[in-house]
Amino acid sequence: MALAEKFAVNLKSERLRRKLSQEILASKAGLSVSYISMLERGQRTPPLDTLESLARALAVAPTSLLA
């Protein structure tokens, strides 16, 4: 599995594990709901600062979203 695919799967898994909607995650990370959706479907790959924002919003290490 490519790194971008792993990220997409891990992002959605972490969001669901914390019982967050895409709307709540988007708000916490300062991103749009449509962007969160595209990330989870693997249609976009985030820049590092966005990866960091998402990790902070999910209270995980950024590397855990890539593992």
C-alpha atoms as a PDB file:
ATOM      1  CA  MET A   1       0.000   0.000   0.000  1.00  0.00           C
ATOM      2  CA  ALA A   2       1.360   3.427  -0.948  1.00  0.00           C
ATOM      3  CA  LEU A   3       2.010   6.010   1.755  1.00  0.00           C
ATOM      4  CA  ALA A   4      -0.854   8.218   0.525  1.00  0.00           C
ATOM      5  CA  GLU A   5      -3.252   5.274   0.779  1.00  0.00           C
ATOM      6  CA  LYS A   6      -2.036   4.447   4.289  1.00  0.00           C
ATOM      7  CA  PHE A   7      -2.580   8.061   5.299  1.00  0.00           C
ATOM      8  CA  ALA A   8      -6.155   8.044   3.947  1.00  0.00           C
ATOM      9  CA  VAL A   9      -7.009   4.813   5.789  1.00  0.00           C
ATOM     10  CA  ASN A  10      -5.352   5.940   9.033  1.00  0.00           C
ATOM     11  CA  LEU A  11      -6.994   9.360   8.985  1.00  0.00           C
ATOM     12  CA  LYS A  12     -10.470   7.884   8.649  1.00  0.00           C
ATOM     13  CA  SER A  13      -9.751   5.166  11.225  1.00  0.00           C
ATOM     14  CA  GLU A  14      -8.521   7.673  13.804  1.00  0.00           C
ATOM     15  CA  ARG A  15     -11.483   9.962  13.181  1.00  0.00           C
ATOM     16  CA  LEU A  16     -13.976   7.127  13.580  1.00  0.00           C
ATOM     17  CA  ARG A  17     -12.168   5.736  16.624  1.00  0.00           C
ATOM     18  CA  ARG A  18     -12.660   9.100  18.312  1.00  0.00           C
ATOM     19  CA  LYS A  19     -16.299   9.218  17.137  1.00  0.00           C
ATOM     20  CA  LEU A  20     -15.766  12.501  15.305  1.00  0.00           C
ATOM     21  CA  SER A  21     -17.724  13.562  12.257  1.00  0.00           C
ATOM     22  CA  GLN A  22     -15.885  14.989   9.290  1.00  0.00           C
ATOM     23  CA  GLU A  23     -17.436  18.336  10.215  1.00  0.00           C
ATOM     24  CA  ILE A  24     -16.016  18.301  13.733  1.00  0.00           C
ATOM     25  CA  LEU A  25     -12.568  17.193  12.569  1.00  0.00           C
ATOM     26  CA  ALA A  26     -12.577  19.880   9.884  1.00  0.00           C
ATOM     27  CA  SER A  27     -13.462  22.514  12.466  1.00  0.00           C
ATOM     28  CA  LYS A  28     -10.779  21.351  14.911  1.00  0.00           C
ATOM     29  CA  ALA A  29      -8.124  21.264  12.186  1.00  0.00           C
ATOM     30  CA  GLY A  30      -9.172  24.511  10.500  1.00  0.00           C
ATOM     31  CA  LEU A  31      -9.989  22.750   7.230  1.00  0.00           C
ATOM     32  CA  SER A  32     -13.061  22.333   5.062  1.00  0.00           C
ATOM     33  CA  VAL A  33     -15.301  19.286   5.254  1.00  0.00           C
ATOM     34  CA  SER A  34     -14.836  18.641   1.545  1.00  0.00           C
ATOM     35  CA  TYR A  35     -11.039  18.619   1.992  1.00  0.00           C
ATOM     36  CA  ILE A  36     -11.300  16.099   4.851  1.00  0.00           C
ATOM     37  CA  SER A  37     -13.489  13.945   2.611  1.00  0.00           C
ATOM     38  CA  MET A  38     -10.978  14.136  -0.256  1.00  0.00           C
ATOM     39  CA  LEU A  39      -8.129  13.230   2.115  1.00  0.00           C
ATOM     40  CA  GLU A  40     -10.013  10.203   3.455  1.00  0.00           C
ATOM     41  CA  ARG A  41     -10.781   9.009  -0.074  1.00  0.00           C
ATOM     42  CA  GLY A  42      -7.159   9.415  -1.120  1.00  0.00           C
ATOM     43  CA  GLN A  43      -7.966  12.105  -3.659  1.00  0.00           C
ATOM     44  CA  ARG A  44      -5.587  14.600  -2.050  1.00  0.00           C
ATOM     45  CA  THR A  45      -2.378  14.321  -0.078  1.00  0.00           C
ATOM     46  CA  PRO A  46      -1.796  16.970   2.562  1.00  0.00           C
ATOM     47  CA  PRO A  47       1.216  19.229   2.941  1.00  0.00           C
ATOM     48  CA  LEU A  48       3.172  18.714   6.161  1.00  0.00           C
ATOM     49  CA  ASP A  49       1.550  21.635   7.985  1.00  0.00           C
ATOM     50  CA  THR A  50      -1.891  20.154   7.272  1.00  0.00           C
ATOM     51  CA  LEU A  51      -0.718  16.735   8.439  1.00  0.00           C
ATOM     52  CA  GLU A  52       0.401  18.376  11.669  1.00  0.00           C
ATOM     53  CA  SER A  53      -2.957  20.169  12.096  1.00  0.00           C
ATOM     54  CA  LEU A  54      -4.861  16.937  11.592  1.00  0.00           C
ATOM     55  CA  ALA A  55      -2.646  15.067  14.042  1.00  0.00           C
ATOM     56  CA  ARG A  56      -3.138  17.801  16.636  1.00  0.00           C
ATOM     57  CA  ALA A  57      -6.923  17.745  16.109  1.00  0.00           C
ATOM     58  CA  LEU A  58      -6.927  13.960  16.585  1.00  0.00           C
ATOM     59  CA  ALA A  59      -4.440  14.087  19.504  1.00  0.00           C
ATOM     60  CA  VAL A  60      -2.038  11.665  17.797  1.00  0.00           C
ATOM     61  CA  ALA A  61       1.546  11.850  16.621  1.00  0.00           C
ATOM     62  CA  PRO A  62       1.800  12.895  12.961  1.00  0.00           C
ATOM     63  CA  THR A  63       3.776   9.742  12.232  1.00  0.00           C
ATOM     64  CA  SER A  64       0.854   7.580  13.376  1.00  0.00           C
ATOM     65  CA  LEU A  65      -1.157   8.861  10.413  1.00  0.00           C
ATOM     66  CA  LEU A  66       1.548   7.603   8.064  1.00  0.00           C
ATOM     67  CA  ALA A  67       2.325   4.249   9.695  1.00  0.00           C
END
